[in-house]
């Protein structure tokens, strides 16, 4: 199937679907610290030890806090997935195909609700941004030891920050820092389009919380900042899902 046909199907409202897809229960569970890795390419996607909640987040471009309800295994059971389109497809077309797969294989059904939540908005600082998008096809910037690296759009960067802000204050320099609890909603309100290669120095300090550390880095190194707001957030509420995916 050509990209032209895929575009035609999308515009006509028909459901896009992967040409071939395998979804199986993972034989070896790895748990929250190592699961939910998804790889997306121009002709499909694959994942190992991914939860249904993670797949829903990917399919509908959501943050973890925007998925609620459903069975208690939604964010526990792990699956291996390999799915290929009939030809080259855009990221949004692959997302539509993933939505079809979740409906077909997991019998996923849901409804949407809107509720007001406390959020952080990622905005430009008063002196303007210090970052610039990379050109199409540019190779990733070389990683530098001791610096944190990120490549993606700024909503993806905001998603990363939402997890980073859950890391507790460092009390023991010898203990690894891990995110805990529910991610804090962070919304990209910069209005800056494109893909960015971001490299920052984030020096952890005893007794200093992650919000203070990141706010310092955002303003001094990137020309961005976080502002606290109340916002109406759309939430996807899972009504039903099957634990065992329908056969391949």
C-alpha atoms as a PDB file:
ATOM      1  CA  UNK A   1       0.000   0.000   0.000  1.00  0.00           C
ATOM      2  CA  UNK A   2       1.476   3.370  -0.996  1.00  0.00           C
ATOM      3  CA  UNK A   3       1.582   6.466   1.189  1.00  0.00           C
ATOM      4  CA  UNK A   4      -0.938   8.062  -1.207  1.00  0.00           C
ATOM      5  CA  UNK A   5      -3.418   5.264  -0.500  1.00  0.00           C
ATOM      6  CA  UNK A   6      -2.799   5.577   3.249  1.00  0.00           C
ATOM      7  CA  UNK A   7      -3.514   9.294   3.079  1.00  0.00           C
ATOM      8  CA  UNK A   8      -6.654   8.623   1.070  1.00  0.00           C
ATOM      9  CA  UNK A   9      -7.913   6.149   3.660  1.00  0.00           C
ATOM     10  CA  UNK A  10      -7.217   8.587   6.471  1.00  0.00           C
ATOM     11  CA  UNK A  11      -9.058  11.447   4.784  1.00  0.00           C
ATOM     12  CA  UNK A  12     -12.050   9.252   3.950  1.00  0.00           C
ATOM     13  CA  UNK A  13     -12.442   8.289   7.617  1.00  0.00           C
ATOM     14  CA  UNK A  14     -11.708   4.588   7.188  1.00  0.00           C
ATOM     15  CA  UNK A  15      -9.790   2.787   9.917  1.00  0.00           C
ATOM     16  CA  UNK A  16      -6.137   2.326   9.143  1.00  0.00           C
ATOM     17  CA  UNK A  17      -4.689  -0.984  10.270  1.00  0.00           C
ATOM     18  CA  UNK A  18      -1.298  -2.660  10.303  1.00  0.00           C
ATOM     19  CA  UNK A  19      -0.814  -5.199   7.536  1.00  0.00           C
ATOM     20  CA  UNK A  20       0.824  -7.649   9.965  1.00  0.00           C
ATOM     21  CA  UNK A  21       0.771  -7.494  13.767  1.00  0.00           C
ATOM     22  CA  UNK A  22       1.778  -9.838  16.575  1.00  0.00           C
ATOM     23  CA  UNK A  23       0.772  -9.141  20.190  1.00  0.00           C
ATOM     24  CA  UNK A  24       1.769 -11.686  22.824  1.00  0.00           C
ATOM     25  CA  UNK A  25       2.067 -11.842  26.583  1.00  0.00           C
ATOM     26  CA  UNK A  26       5.730 -11.335  27.533  1.00  0.00           C
ATOM     27  CA  UNK A  27       7.382 -14.551  28.640  1.00  0.00           C
ATOM     28  CA  UNK A  28       9.697 -12.744  31.072  1.00  0.00           C
ATOM     29  CA  UNK A  29       8.434  -9.846  33.170  1.00  0.00           C
ATOM     30  CA  UNK A  30      10.895  -7.028  33.847  1.00  0.00           C
ATOM     31  CA  UNK A  31       8.826  -4.621  35.980  1.00  0.00           C
ATOM     32  CA  UNK A  32       8.360  -0.853  36.074  1.00  0.00           C
ATOM     33  CA  UNK A  33      12.047   0.080  36.103  1.00  0.00           C
ATOM     34  CA  UNK A  34      12.775  -1.625  32.758  1.00  0.00           C
ATOM     35  CA  UNK A  35       9.518  -2.050  30.831  1.00  0.00           C
ATOM     36  CA  UNK A  36       7.506   0.055  28.372  1.00  0.00           C
ATOM     37  CA  UNK A  37      10.167   0.494  25.694  1.00  0.00           C
ATOM     38  CA  UNK A  38       8.661   1.175  22.251  1.00  0.00           C
ATOM     39  CA  UNK A  39      10.550   1.617  18.991  1.00  0.00           C
ATOM     40  CA  UNK A  40       8.780   3.434  16.132  1.00  0.00           C
ATOM     41  CA  UNK A  41      10.023   3.437  12.539  1.00  0.00           C
ATOM     42  CA  UNK A  42       8.648   4.608   9.176  1.00  0.00           C
ATOM     43  CA  UNK A  43       6.906   1.287   8.508  1.00  0.00           C
ATOM     44  CA  UNK A  44       5.799   0.084  11.923  1.00  0.00           C
ATOM     45  CA  UNK A  45       6.551  -0.252  15.594  1.00  0.00           C
ATOM     46  CA  UNK A  46       7.776  -2.803  18.089  1.00  0.00           C
ATOM     47  CA  UNK A  47       7.817  -3.043  21.849  1.00  0.00           C
ATOM     48  CA  UNK A  48       9.033  -5.397  24.513  1.00  0.00           C
ATOM     49  CA  UNK A  49       7.466  -5.703  27.945  1.00  0.00           C
ATOM     50  CA  UNK A  50       5.005  -2.887  27.274  1.00  0.00           C
ATOM     51  CA  UNK A  51       1.816  -2.482  29.293  1.00  0.00           C
ATOM     52  CA  UNK A  52      -1.577  -1.824  27.755  1.00  0.00           C
ATOM     53  CA  UNK A  53      -1.596   1.567  29.470  1.00  0.00           C
ATOM     54  CA  UNK A  54       1.688   2.456  27.741  1.00  0.00           C
ATOM     55  CA  UNK A  55       0.213   1.428  24.380  1.00  0.00           C
ATOM     56  CA  UNK A  56      -2.872   3.576  25.002  1.00  0.00           C
ATOM     57  CA  UNK A  57      -0.638   6.534  25.884  1.00  0.00           C
ATOM     58  CA  UNK A  58       1.311   6.080  22.641  1.00  0.00           C
ATOM     59  CA  UNK A  59      -1.785   5.576  20.480  1.00  0.00           C
ATOM     60  CA  UNK A  60      -3.639   8.645  21.736  1.00  0.00           C
ATOM     61  CA  UNK A  61      -0.666  10.977  22.428  1.00  0.00           C
ATOM     62  CA  UNK A  62      -1.397  11.211  26.153  1.00  0.00           C
ATOM     63  CA  UNK A  63       0.560  11.563  29.363  1.00  0.00           C
ATOM     64  CA  UNK A  64       0.264   8.823  32.020  1.00  0.00           C
ATOM     65  CA  UNK A  65      -1.998  10.908  34.254  1.00  0.00           C
ATOM     66  CA  UNK A  66      -4.484  11.222  31.379  1.00  0.00           C
ATOM     67  CA  UNK A  67      -5.365   7.492  31.423  1.00  0.00           C
ATOM     68  CA  UNK A  68      -7.555   6.225  34.244  1.00  0.00           C
ATOM     69  CA  UNK A  69     -10.037   3.473  35.044  1.00  0.00           C
ATOM     70  CA  UNK A  70      -9.854  -0.014  33.587  1.00  0.00           C
ATOM     71  CA  UNK A  71      -8.754  -3.271  35.212  1.00  0.00           C
ATOM     72  CA  UNK A  72      -5.971  -3.293  37.800  1.00  0.00           C
ATOM     73  CA  UNK A  73      -3.588  -5.092  35.424  1.00  0.00           C
ATOM     74  CA  UNK A  74      -3.686  -2.236  32.878  1.00  0.00           C
ATOM     75  CA  UNK A  75      -0.293  -0.893  34.002  1.00  0.00           C
ATOM     76  CA  UNK A  76       1.128  -4.210  35.238  1.00  0.00           C
ATOM     77  CA  UNK A  77       0.792  -6.966  32.614  1.00  0.00           C
ATOM     78  CA  UNK A  78       3.516  -6.840  29.962  1.00  0.00           C
ATOM     79  CA  UNK A  79       3.255  -7.628  26.257  1.00  0.00           C
ATOM     80  CA  UNK A  80       5.562  -7.983  23.246  1.00  0.00           C
ATOM     81  CA  UNK A  81       4.329  -6.315  20.074  1.00  0.00           C
ATOM     82  CA  UNK A  82       5.568  -6.246  16.487  1.00  0.00           C
ATOM     83  CA  UNK A  83       3.431  -4.415  13.938  1.00  0.00           C
ATOM     84  CA  UNK A  84       4.186  -3.458  10.336  1.00  0.00           C
ATOM     85  CA  UNK A  85       2.316  -1.213   7.938  1.00  0.00           C
ATOM     86  CA  UNK A  86       1.936  -2.121   4.281  1.00  0.00           C
ATOM     87  CA  UNK A  87       4.270   0.732   3.356  1.00  0.00           C
ATOM     88  CA  UNK A  88       5.878   3.899   4.648  1.00  0.00           C
ATOM     89  CA  UNK A  89       3.539   5.756   7.013  1.00  0.00           C
ATOM     90  CA  UNK A  90       3.669   8.915   9.094  1.00  0.00           C
ATOM     91  CA  UNK A  91       3.855   8.811  12.876  1.00  0.00           C
ATOM     92  CA  UNK A  92       0.231   9.940  13.113  1.00  0.00           C
ATOM     93  CA  UNK A  93      -0.899   7.195  10.716  1.00  0.00           C
ATOM     94  CA  UNK A  94       0.963   4.636  12.822  1.00  0.00           C
ATOM     95  CA  UNK A  95      -0.843   5.984  15.893  1.00  0.00           C
ATOM     96  CA  UNK A  96      -4.195   5.483  14.143  1.00  0.00           C
ATOM     97  CA  UNK A  97      -3.168   1.922  13.239  1.00  0.00           C
ATOM     98  CA  UNK A  98      -2.218   1.297  16.866  1.00  0.00           C
ATOM     99  CA  UNK A  99      -5.662   2.502  17.966  1.00  0.00           C
ATOM    100  CA  UNK A 100      -7.253   0.004  15.598  1.00  0.00           C
ATOM    101  CA  UNK A 101      -5.010  -2.756  16.949  1.00  0.00           C
ATOM    102  CA  UNK A 102      -5.943  -1.987  20.562  1.00  0.00           C
ATOM    103  CA  UNK A 103      -9.624  -2.180  19.683  1.00  0.00           C
ATOM    104  CA  UNK A 104      -9.246  -5.408  17.707  1.00  0.00           C
ATOM    105  CA  UNK A 105      -6.802  -7.296  19.936  1.00  0.00           C
ATOM    106  CA  UNK A 106      -7.648  -6.049  23.435  1.00  0.00           C
ATOM    107  CA  UNK A 107     -11.308  -5.164  22.817  1.00  0.00           C
ATOM    108  CA  UNK A 108     -10.451  -1.781  24.309  1.00  0.00           C
ATOM    109  CA  UNK A 109     -13.358   0.581  24.942  1.00  0.00           C
ATOM    110  CA  UNK A 110     -13.268   3.932  26.758  1.00  0.00           C
ATOM    111  CA  UNK A 111     -14.879   7.317  27.166  1.00  0.00           C
ATOM    112  CA  UNK A 112     -13.402  10.770  27.659  1.00  0.00           C
ATOM    113  CA  UNK A 113     -13.855  13.211  30.533  1.00  0.00           C
ATOM    114  CA  UNK A 114     -12.544  16.714  31.208  1.00  0.00           C
ATOM    115  CA  UNK A 115     -11.431  17.783  34.664  1.00  0.00           C
ATOM    116  CA  UNK A 116      -9.500  20.669  36.123  1.00  0.00           C
ATOM    117  CA  UNK A 117      -6.042  19.823  37.433  1.00  0.00           C
ATOM    118  CA  UNK A 118      -2.967  21.563  38.754  1.00  0.00           C
ATOM    119  CA  UNK A 119      -0.327  21.480  36.002  1.00  0.00           C
ATOM    120  CA  UNK A 120       2.970  23.011  35.038  1.00  0.00           C
ATOM    121  CA  UNK A 121       3.254  24.841  31.730  1.00  0.00           C
ATOM    122  CA  UNK A 122       6.577  24.876  29.894  1.00  0.00           C
ATOM    123  CA  UNK A 123       6.974  28.416  28.489  1.00  0.00           C
ATOM    124  CA  UNK A 124       9.740  30.627  27.124  1.00  0.00           C
ATOM    125  CA  UNK A 125      11.618  32.818  29.597  1.00  0.00           C
ATOM    126  CA  UNK A 126      11.326  36.600  29.322  1.00  0.00           C
ATOM    127  CA  UNK A 127      14.629  36.840  27.410  1.00  0.00           C
ATOM    128  CA  UNK A 128      13.553  34.259  24.843  1.00  0.00           C
ATOM    129  CA  UNK A 129      14.613  30.670  24.120  1.00  0.00           C
ATOM    130  CA  UNK A 130      18.267  29.658  23.870  1.00  0.00           C
ATOM    131  CA  UNK A 131      17.521  26.519  21.822  1.00  0.00           C
ATOM    132  CA  UNK A 132      16.949  26.036  18.097  1.00  0.00           C
ATOM    133  CA  UNK A 133      15.370  23.144  16.178  1.00  0.00           C
ATOM    134  CA  UNK A 134      17.624  20.807  14.267  1.00  0.00           C
ATOM    135  CA  UNK A 135      17.327  20.498  10.496  1.00  0.00           C
ATOM    136  CA  UNK A 136      15.523  17.532   8.951  1.00  0.00           C
ATOM    137  CA  UNK A 137      17.734  14.454   8.778  1.00  0.00           C
ATOM    138  CA  UNK A 138      20.416  15.928  11.030  1.00  0.00           C
ATOM    139  CA  UNK A 139      22.376  13.334  12.975  1.00  0.00           C
ATOM    140  CA  UNK A 140      21.932  13.347  16.755  1.00  0.00           C
ATOM    141  CA  UNK A 141      24.417  15.537  18.591  1.00  0.00           C
ATOM    142  CA  UNK A 142      27.350  13.717  20.164  1.00  0.00           C
ATOM    143  CA  UNK A 143      26.724  12.870  23.804  1.00  0.00           C
ATOM    144  CA  UNK A 144      28.999  14.445  26.373  1.00  0.00           C
ATOM    145  CA  UNK A 145      29.800  12.590  29.580  1.00  0.00           C
ATOM    146  CA  UNK A 146      28.094  14.063  32.613  1.00  0.00           C
ATOM    147  CA  UNK A 147      25.357  15.835  30.655  1.00  0.00           C
ATOM    148  CA  UNK A 148      21.687  14.886  30.206  1.00  0.00           C
ATOM    149  CA  UNK A 149      20.678  14.406  26.556  1.00  0.00           C
ATOM    150  CA  UNK A 150      17.291  14.589  24.852  1.00  0.00           C
ATOM    151  CA  UNK A 151      16.113  14.583  21.236  1.00  0.00           C
ATOM    152  CA  UNK A 152      12.503  15.206  20.262  1.00  0.00           C
ATOM    153  CA  UNK A 153       9.801  17.871  20.180  1.00  0.00           C
ATOM    154  CA  UNK A 154       9.082  20.052  23.193  1.00  0.00           C
ATOM    155  CA  UNK A 155       5.936  18.201  24.241  1.00  0.00           C
ATOM    156  CA  UNK A 156       8.055  15.060  24.454  1.00  0.00           C
ATOM    157  CA  UNK A 157      10.541  17.071  26.504  1.00  0.00           C
ATOM    158  CA  UNK A 158       7.658  18.236  28.736  1.00  0.00           C
ATOM    159  CA  UNK A 159       6.666  14.574  29.183  1.00  0.00           C
ATOM    160  CA  UNK A 160      10.224  13.838  30.320  1.00  0.00           C
ATOM    161  CA  UNK A 161      10.061  16.703  32.807  1.00  0.00           C
ATOM    162  CA  UNK A 162       6.768  15.382  34.189  1.00  0.00           C
ATOM    163  CA  UNK A 163       8.596  12.210  35.232  1.00  0.00           C
ATOM    164  CA  UNK A 164      11.755  13.993  36.388  1.00  0.00           C
ATOM    165  CA  UNK A 165       9.758  16.131  38.813  1.00  0.00           C
ATOM    166  CA  UNK A 166       8.670  13.010  40.707  1.00  0.00           C
ATOM    167  CA  UNK A 167      12.264  12.173  41.717  1.00  0.00           C
ATOM    168  CA  UNK A 168      12.546  12.833  45.467  1.00  0.00           C
ATOM    169  CA  UNK A 169      15.081  15.102  47.150  1.00  0.00           C
ATOM    170  CA  UNK A 170      18.491  13.432  47.241  1.00  0.00           C
ATOM    171  CA  UNK A 171      19.441  12.452  50.785  1.00  0.00           C
ATOM    172  CA  UNK A 172      22.078   9.806  50.018  1.00  0.00           C
ATOM    173  CA  UNK A 173      24.637  10.642  47.268  1.00  0.00           C
ATOM    174  CA  UNK A 174      25.441   6.945  46.872  1.00  0.00           C
ATOM    175  CA  UNK A 175      21.868   5.865  46.200  1.00  0.00           C
ATOM    176  CA  UNK A 176      20.429   5.965  42.642  1.00  0.00           C
ATOM    177  CA  UNK A 177      17.692   8.520  41.987  1.00  0.00           C
ATOM    178  CA  UNK A 178      14.434   7.055  40.674  1.00  0.00           C
ATOM    179  CA  UNK A 179      11.106   8.619  39.790  1.00  0.00           C
ATOM    180  CA  UNK A 180       8.320   7.818  42.227  1.00  0.00           C
ATOM    181  CA  UNK A 181       4.581   8.290  42.256  1.00  0.00           C
ATOM    182  CA  UNK A 182       2.382   9.724  39.531  1.00  0.00           C
ATOM    183  CA  UNK A 183       4.034  12.056  36.992  1.00  0.00           C
ATOM    184  CA  UNK A 184       3.237  15.757  37.356  1.00  0.00           C
ATOM    185  CA  UNK A 185       1.370  17.102  34.279  1.00  0.00           C
ATOM    186  CA  UNK A 186       3.656  19.338  32.198  1.00  0.00           C
ATOM    187  CA  UNK A 187       2.189  20.993  29.087  1.00  0.00           C
ATOM    188  CA  UNK A 188       4.231  22.502  26.271  1.00  0.00           C
ATOM    189  CA  UNK A 189       3.065  26.111  25.875  1.00  0.00           C
ATOM    190  CA  UNK A 190       6.242  27.443  24.263  1.00  0.00           C
ATOM    191  CA  UNK A 191       4.786  27.570  20.760  1.00  0.00           C
ATOM    192  CA  UNK A 192       8.170  26.386  19.466  1.00  0.00           C
ATOM    193  CA  UNK A 193       7.844  23.811  16.643  1.00  0.00           C
ATOM    194  CA  UNK A 194      10.355  21.265  15.425  1.00  0.00           C
ATOM    195  CA  UNK A 195      12.759  18.687  16.818  1.00  0.00           C
ATOM    196  CA  UNK A 196      15.442  19.675  19.320  1.00  0.00           C
ATOM    197  CA  UNK A 197      18.742  18.206  20.482  1.00  0.00           C
ATOM    198  CA  UNK A 198      18.945  19.258  24.119  1.00  0.00           C
ATOM    199  CA  UNK A 199      21.987  18.718  26.311  1.00  0.00           C
ATOM    200  CA  UNK A 200      22.077  20.073  29.857  1.00  0.00           C
ATOM    201  CA  UNK A 201      24.133  19.957  33.041  1.00  0.00           C
ATOM    202  CA  UNK A 202      21.849  18.834  35.870  1.00  0.00           C
ATOM    203  CA  UNK A 203      23.895  18.736  39.031  1.00  0.00           C
ATOM    204  CA  UNK A 204      21.991  16.999  41.811  1.00  0.00           C
ATOM    205  CA  UNK A 205      22.338  18.680  45.187  1.00  0.00           C
ATOM    206  CA  UNK A 206      21.641  17.276  48.639  1.00  0.00           C
ATOM    207  CA  UNK A 207      18.329  18.561  49.995  1.00  0.00           C
ATOM    208  CA  UNK A 208      17.355  20.419  46.792  1.00  0.00           C
ATOM    209  CA  UNK A 209      14.147  19.307  45.081  1.00  0.00           C
ATOM    210  CA  UNK A 210      13.980  18.466  41.372  1.00  0.00           C
ATOM    211  CA  UNK A 211      11.649  21.333  40.528  1.00  0.00           C
ATOM    212  CA  UNK A 212      14.201  23.859  41.798  1.00  0.00           C
ATOM    213  CA  UNK A 213      17.046  22.110  39.957  1.00  0.00           C
ATOM    214  CA  UNK A 214      15.181  21.866  36.658  1.00  0.00           C
ATOM    215  CA  UNK A 215      13.836  25.415  36.877  1.00  0.00           C
ATOM    216  CA  UNK A 216      17.412  26.627  37.278  1.00  0.00           C
ATOM    217  CA  UNK A 217      18.573  24.565  34.272  1.00  0.00           C
ATOM    218  CA  UNK A 218      15.626  25.550  32.082  1.00  0.00           C
ATOM    219  CA  UNK A 219      16.171  29.259  32.632  1.00  0.00           C
ATOM    220  CA  UNK A 220      19.959  29.427  32.553  1.00  0.00           C
ATOM    221  CA  UNK A 221      20.706  26.864  29.829  1.00  0.00           C
ATOM    222  CA  UNK A 222      17.589  26.662  27.635  1.00  0.00           C
ATOM    223  CA  UNK A 223      15.752  29.983  28.005  1.00  0.00           C
ATOM    224  CA  UNK A 224      12.607  28.187  29.205  1.00  0.00           C
ATOM    225  CA  UNK A 225      10.775  27.935  32.525  1.00  0.00           C
ATOM    226  CA  UNK A 226       7.900  26.182  34.306  1.00  0.00           C
ATOM    227  CA  UNK A 227       4.818  28.028  35.528  1.00  0.00           C
ATOM    228  CA  UNK A 228       2.123  26.601  37.794  1.00  0.00           C
ATOM    229  CA  UNK A 229      -1.425  26.726  36.413  1.00  0.00           C
ATOM    230  CA  UNK A 230      -4.897  25.254  36.701  1.00  0.00           C
ATOM    231  CA  UNK A 231      -6.021  23.700  33.413  1.00  0.00           C
ATOM    232  CA  UNK A 232      -8.836  21.617  31.987  1.00  0.00           C
ATOM    233  CA  UNK A 233      -7.326  18.254  31.139  1.00  0.00           C
ATOM    234  CA  UNK A 234      -8.899  15.608  28.943  1.00  0.00           C
ATOM    235  CA  UNK A 235      -8.791  12.172  30.547  1.00  0.00           C
ATOM    236  CA  UNK A 236      -9.302   8.860  28.763  1.00  0.00           C
ATOM    237  CA  UNK A 237     -11.241   6.535  31.064  1.00  0.00           C
ATOM    238  CA  UNK A 238     -10.909   2.843  30.175  1.00  0.00           C
ATOM    239  CA  UNK A 239     -14.255   1.054  30.412  1.00  0.00           C
ATOM    240  CA  UNK A 240     -13.214  -2.406  29.246  1.00  0.00           C
ATOM    241  CA  UNK A 241     -10.160  -4.360  28.070  1.00  0.00           C
ATOM    242  CA  UNK A 242      -9.281  -8.022  27.618  1.00  0.00           C
ATOM    243  CA  UNK A 243      -6.206  -9.282  29.477  1.00  0.00           C
ATOM    244  CA  UNK A 244      -5.338 -11.886  26.808  1.00  0.00           C
ATOM    245  CA  UNK A 245      -5.037 -10.351  23.324  1.00  0.00           C
ATOM    246  CA  UNK A 246      -7.065 -11.912  20.531  1.00  0.00           C
ATOM    247  CA  UNK A 247      -5.051 -14.387  18.429  1.00  0.00           C
ATOM    248  CA  UNK A 248      -2.653 -13.203  15.751  1.00  0.00           C
END
